[in-house]
Amino acid sequence: MLPDLEFYLIAIPAVMLVGLSKGGMGEAFSMMSVPLLSLVVAPVQAAALFLPILIAMDLVSLWIWRKHGDGKTLMILLPGALIGIGIGWATWAYVPRDALRLIIGLITVLFVLRYVHNVWRARRGIVVPAKPHRPVQATFFGAFAGYGSFVAHAGGPPFQIYTLPLKLPPREYTGTIVRFFAILNAVKLVPYFALGQLDLTNLTTSLTLFPPAMAATAVGAWIVRRMQPQVFYPFMYTMAFLAGLKLVFDGFKAVFLGT
């Protein structure tokens, strides 16, 4: 049996936020979606409902951004990400997810504050050049992204911490993040099924939410395609900052306040 009208009044805006994120508009939109859907279903079910929708959005995003992406960045991050997913699967029952959200959030907020400091320095003539690829850091943040994505749907901020300082062209950056998380979400299907997080009821409900999700993905991509670098990067750092604050808020409440 499908959910009632109250569910869809909450679920449709929630999946549209994810769609805007998948279109390239930043992790903060996606971060707001699971808590919003959790108003009408249990948080674990909310996460399970989103995975098939995420994969469907990935297919749309891959088509939209098929001509863009940085293969070197993708290949240097993926090995660590797959290791992170494996660790998340192995430690699923033991991971303090709320503490992980808090840690990822704090690191992300500090990362964005460093960017603000660099912008302040640039206005005084001290320009920070784009960083080169760093294999050790790529493996670490790739694993952090894979692990956070699997256990807490919070893989975006670690990805951004490594990739934003590379200063890729906006379309190449967006194409890379789309490919990265499309691969991770496809890989996550196997352990999610093994852990019993996906069943026919959830899959049927997810299917009914596909249309608004697809439409929002296309809208997000349409907006990002028209952003110049001087607008795109401040916007992305702002989205990363908001996502970090959301993680800190949720993690702090759960860890220290028990709510």
Protein backbone atom coordinates (compact mmCIF):
# COMPACT_ATOMS: atom_id res chain seq x y z
CA MET A 1 0.00 0.00 0.00
CA LEU A 2 1.30 3.46 -0.90
CA PRO A 3 1.72 6.16 1.78
CA ASP A 4 -0.92 8.81 2.38
CA LEU A 5 -1.13 12.43 1.20
CA GLU A 6 0.72 13.76 4.26
CA PHE A 7 3.73 11.65 3.31
CA TYR A 8 3.85 13.04 -0.23
CA LEU A 9 3.44 16.65 0.93
CA ILE A 10 6.76 16.19 2.76
CA ALA A 11 8.46 13.65 0.48
CA ILE A 12 8.08 15.55 -2.81
CA PRO A 13 9.90 18.71 -1.57
CA ALA A 14 12.52 16.45 0.04
CA VAL A 15 13.35 14.59 -3.17
CA MET A 16 13.33 17.85 -5.14
CA LEU A 17 16.04 19.18 -2.82
CA VAL A 18 18.08 16.06 -3.58
CA GLY A 19 17.42 16.59 -7.29
CA LEU A 20 18.79 20.14 -7.17
CA SER A 21 21.87 18.76 -5.43
CA LYS A 22 22.30 16.01 -8.03
CA GLY A 23 21.95 18.59 -10.77
CA GLY A 24 25.10 20.20 -9.39
CA MET A 25 23.85 22.79 -6.90
CA GLY A 26 25.68 21.57 -3.83
CA GLU A 27 25.46 19.13 -0.95
CA ALA A 28 23.53 21.44 1.39
CA PHE A 29 20.25 20.82 -0.46
CA SER A 30 20.73 17.06 -0.14
CA MET A 31 21.61 17.36 3.56
CA MET A 32 18.22 18.92 4.26
CA SER A 33 16.27 16.17 2.53
CA VAL A 34 16.69 13.14 4.82
CA PRO A 35 15.79 15.10 8.00
CA LEU A 36 12.76 16.51 6.16
CA LEU A 37 11.57 13.06 5.07
CA SER A 38 12.23 11.80 8.60
CA LEU A 39 9.26 13.91 9.71
CA VAL A 40 6.94 11.30 8.18
CA VAL A 41 8.98 8.05 8.24
CA ALA A 42 11.72 6.59 10.44
CA PRO A 43 15.23 7.94 9.62
CA VAL A 44 16.49 4.49 8.58
CA GLN A 45 13.56 4.08 6.19
CA ALA A 46 14.14 7.61 4.86
CA ALA A 47 17.72 6.70 3.96
CA ALA A 48 16.57 3.46 2.31
CA LEU A 49 13.87 5.26 0.29
CA PHE A 50 16.43 7.70 -1.06
CA LEU A 51 18.97 5.21 -2.43
CA PRO A 52 16.92 4.04 -5.50
CA ILE A 53 15.94 7.67 -6.14
CA LEU A 54 19.59 8.73 -5.94
CA ILE A 55 20.54 6.09 -8.48
CA ALA A 56 17.78 7.21 -10.86
CA MET A 57 18.95 10.83 -10.46
CA ASP A 58 22.51 9.67 -11.11
CA LEU A 59 21.43 8.29 -14.49
CA VAL A 60 19.84 11.63 -15.43
CA SER A 61 22.86 13.58 -14.18
CA LEU A 62 25.29 11.30 -16.02
CA TRP A 63 23.43 11.99 -19.25
CA ILE A 64 23.27 15.75 -18.68
CA TRP A 65 26.97 16.00 -17.76
CA ARG A 66 28.19 13.22 -20.10
CA LYS A 67 30.61 15.56 -21.92
CA HIS A 68 32.17 16.95 -18.75
CA GLY A 69 34.31 15.57 -15.95
CA ASP A 70 37.95 15.20 -14.95
CA GLY A 71 39.05 11.58 -15.32
CA LYS A 72 42.28 12.03 -13.35
CA THR A 73 40.45 13.41 -10.32
CA LEU A 74 37.89 10.62 -10.49
CA MET A 75 40.46 7.85 -10.74
CA ILE A 76 42.62 9.17 -7.93
CA LEU A 77 39.66 9.37 -5.52
CA LEU A 78 37.79 6.16 -6.35
CA PRO A 79 40.15 3.54 -4.84
CA GLY A 80 39.97 5.17 -1.42
CA ALA A 81 36.21 5.61 -1.75
CA LEU A 82 35.67 1.90 -2.43
CA ILE A 83 37.82 1.05 0.58
CA GLY A 84 35.69 3.43 2.65
CA ILE A 85 32.48 1.71 1.54
CA GLY A 86 33.97 -1.66 2.46
CA ILE A 87 34.92 -0.42 5.92
CA GLY A 88 31.44 1.07 6.35
CA TRP A 89 29.83 -2.25 5.44
CA ALA A 90 32.06 -4.18 7.83
CA THR A 91 31.43 -1.79 10.74
CA TRP A 92 27.75 -0.99 10.02
CA ALA A 93 26.50 -2.26 13.38
CA TYR A 94 29.22 -0.52 15.40
CA VAL A 95 29.57 2.92 13.82
CA PRO A 96 28.54 5.92 15.96
CA ARG A 97 26.83 7.67 13.04
CA ASP A 98 25.98 10.81 14.97
CA ALA A 99 29.59 11.25 16.09
CA LEU A 100 30.68 10.77 12.48
CA ARG A 101 28.28 13.49 11.31
CA LEU A 102 29.68 15.83 13.95
CA ILE A 103 33.29 15.15 12.92
CA ILE A 104 32.61 15.56 9.19
CA GLY A 105 30.65 18.73 9.86
CA LEU A 106 33.40 20.32 11.97
CA ILE A 107 36.08 19.51 9.40
CA THR A 108 33.93 20.96 6.62
CA VAL A 109 33.20 24.19 8.50
CA LEU A 110 36.92 24.68 9.22
CA PHE A 111 37.71 23.96 5.56
CA VAL A 112 35.28 26.66 4.38
CA LEU A 113 36.60 29.15 6.95
CA ARG A 114 40.08 28.56 5.51
CA TYR A 115 38.67 29.40 2.07
CA VAL A 116 37.20 32.65 3.44
CA HIS A 117 40.61 33.48 4.90
CA ASN A 118 42.24 32.84 1.51
CA VAL A 119 39.69 35.12 -0.20
CA TRP A 120 40.56 37.83 2.35
CA ARG A 121 44.26 37.34 1.55
CA ALA A 122 43.56 37.47 -2.20
CA ARG A 123 41.96 40.87 -1.82
CA ARG A 124 45.28 41.99 -0.36
CA GLY A 125 47.25 40.65 -3.28
CA ILE A 126 48.13 37.19 -1.88
CA VAL A 127 46.58 34.73 -4.35
CA VAL A 128 46.41 31.03 -3.45
CA PRO A 129 47.05 28.95 -6.61
CA ALA A 130 45.12 25.81 -7.50
CA LYS A 131 46.48 22.78 -5.70
CA PRO A 132 47.95 19.85 -7.66
CA HIS A 133 46.77 16.28 -7.13
CA ARG A 134 48.05 14.72 -3.90
CA PRO A 135 47.69 10.91 -3.93
CA VAL A 136 47.90 10.43 -0.14
CA GLN A 137 45.30 13.11 0.59
CA ALA A 138 43.13 11.82 -2.27
CA THR A 139 43.12 8.32 -0.80
CA PHE A 140 42.28 9.64 2.67
CA PHE A 141 39.47 11.97 1.62
CA GLY A 142 38.20 9.44 -0.94
CA ALA A 143 37.93 6.83 1.83
CA PHE A 144 36.32 9.41 4.12
CA ALA A 145 33.78 10.22 1.38
CA GLY A 146 32.99 6.54 0.74
CA TYR A 147 32.70 5.75 4.44
CA GLY A 148 30.58 8.83 5.21
CA SER A 149 28.35 8.17 2.21
CA PHE A 150 27.69 4.60 3.28
CA VAL A 151 27.03 5.04 6.99
CA ALA A 152 25.55 8.54 7.16
CA HIS A 153 24.77 9.79 3.60
CA ALA A 154 27.44 12.42 4.24
CA GLY A 155 30.06 11.79 1.58
CA GLY A 156 29.84 15.17 -0.16
CA PRO A 157 31.85 17.35 2.24
CA PRO A 158 35.00 15.11 2.24
CA PHE A 159 34.86 15.05 -1.57
CA GLN A 160 34.65 18.84 -1.65
CA ILE A 161 37.53 19.27 0.79
CA TYR A 162 39.84 17.55 -1.69
CA THR A 163 38.40 18.75 -5.01
CA LEU A 164 37.42 22.40 -4.52
CA PRO A 165 41.05 23.55 -3.99
CA LEU A 166 41.90 22.00 -7.40
CA LYS A 167 39.88 24.87 -8.94
CA LEU A 168 38.54 22.79 -11.82
CA PRO A 169 36.30 24.55 -14.37
CA PRO A 170 32.73 24.49 -12.98
CA ARG A 171 31.37 22.06 -15.58
CA GLU A 172 34.32 19.68 -15.14
CA TYR A 173 33.92 19.80 -11.36
CA THR A 174 30.20 19.04 -11.63
CA GLY A 175 30.73 16.21 -14.10
CA THR A 176 33.34 14.69 -11.78
CA ILE A 177 31.20 14.77 -8.64
CA VAL A 178 28.25 13.33 -10.60
CA ARG A 179 30.36 10.39 -11.81
CA PHE A 180 31.96 9.85 -8.41
CA PHE A 181 28.71 9.50 -6.47
CA ALA A 182 26.95 7.61 -9.26
CA ILE A 183 29.61 4.91 -8.94
CA LEU A 184 29.43 4.95 -5.13
CA ASN A 185 25.64 4.68 -5.09
CA ALA A 186 25.70 1.75 -7.52
CA VAL A 187 28.31 -0.04 -5.39
CA LYS A 188 26.27 0.62 -2.23
CA LEU A 189 23.30 -1.33 -3.60
CA VAL A 190 24.92 -4.67 -2.81
CA PRO A 191 25.68 -4.08 0.88
CA TYR A 192 22.36 -2.26 1.40
CA PHE A 193 20.48 -5.29 0.09
CA ALA A 194 22.65 -7.57 2.23
CA LEU A 195 21.86 -5.50 5.31
CA GLY A 196 18.10 -5.64 4.62
CA GLN A 197 17.74 -1.90 4.07
CA LEU A 198 15.83 -2.29 0.78
CA ASP A 199 12.51 -4.12 0.38
CA LEU A 200 9.63 -4.16 -2.09
CA THR A 201 7.53 -1.66 -0.13
CA ASN A 202 10.30 0.93 -0.01
CA LEU A 203 11.21 0.36 -3.65
CA THR A 204 7.56 0.86 -4.73
CA THR A 205 7.32 4.09 -2.76
CA SER A 206 10.61 5.31 -4.20
CA LEU A 207 9.29 4.69 -7.71
CA THR A 208 6.36 7.06 -7.14
CA LEU A 209 8.82 9.85 -6.26
CA PHE A 210 10.90 9.53 -9.42
CA PRO A 211 9.11 12.23 -11.54
CA PRO A 212 9.68 15.24 -9.22
CA ALA A 213 13.19 14.01 -8.50
CA MET A 214 14.07 13.88 -12.21
CA ALA A 215 12.57 17.30 -12.88
CA ALA A 216 14.54 18.91 -10.04
CA THR A 217 17.78 17.29 -11.28
CA ALA A 218 17.29 18.84 -14.71
CA VAL A 219 16.54 22.26 -13.17
CA GLY A 220 19.66 22.10 -10.98
CA ALA A 221 21.84 21.26 -13.99
CA TRP A 222 20.25 24.08 -16.04
CA ILE A 223 21.19 26.60 -13.33
CA VAL A 224 24.76 25.32 -12.85
CA ARG A 225 25.47 25.37 -16.60
CA ARG A 226 24.85 29.13 -16.57
CA MET A 227 27.12 29.93 -13.61
CA GLN A 228 30.45 31.65 -14.20
CA PRO A 229 33.46 30.47 -12.10
CA GLN A 230 33.43 33.65 -10.01
CA VAL A 231 29.84 32.81 -9.01
CA PHE A 232 30.11 29.02 -8.98
CA TYR A 233 32.92 28.62 -6.46
CA PRO A 234 31.62 31.04 -3.79
CA PHE A 235 28.23 29.33 -4.20
CA MET A 236 29.73 25.84 -3.77
CA TYR A 237 31.72 26.86 -0.71
CA THR A 238 28.55 28.38 0.78
CA MET A 239 26.68 25.12 0.13
CA ALA A 240 29.53 23.15 1.74
CA PHE A 241 29.43 25.48 4.75
CA LEU A 242 25.66 25.04 5.17
CA ALA A 243 26.02 21.26 4.83
CA GLY A 244 28.77 21.30 7.46
CA LEU A 245 26.65 23.34 9.85
CA LYS A 246 23.75 20.92 9.37
CA LEU A 247 25.97 17.96 10.19
CA VAL A 248 27.38 19.71 13.26
CA PHE A 249 23.89 20.63 14.47
CA ASP A 250 22.48 17.12 14.02
CA GLY A 251 25.56 15.41 15.45
CA PHE A 252 25.80 17.72 18.45
CA LYS A 253 22.13 17.25 19.33
CA ALA A 254 22.40 13.48 19.17
CA VAL A 255 25.78 13.08 20.87
CA PHE A 256 25.50 15.65 23.65
CA LEU A 257 21.77 16.28 24.07
CA GLY A 258 20.44 12.82 23.23
CA THR A 259 17.81 14.18 20.81
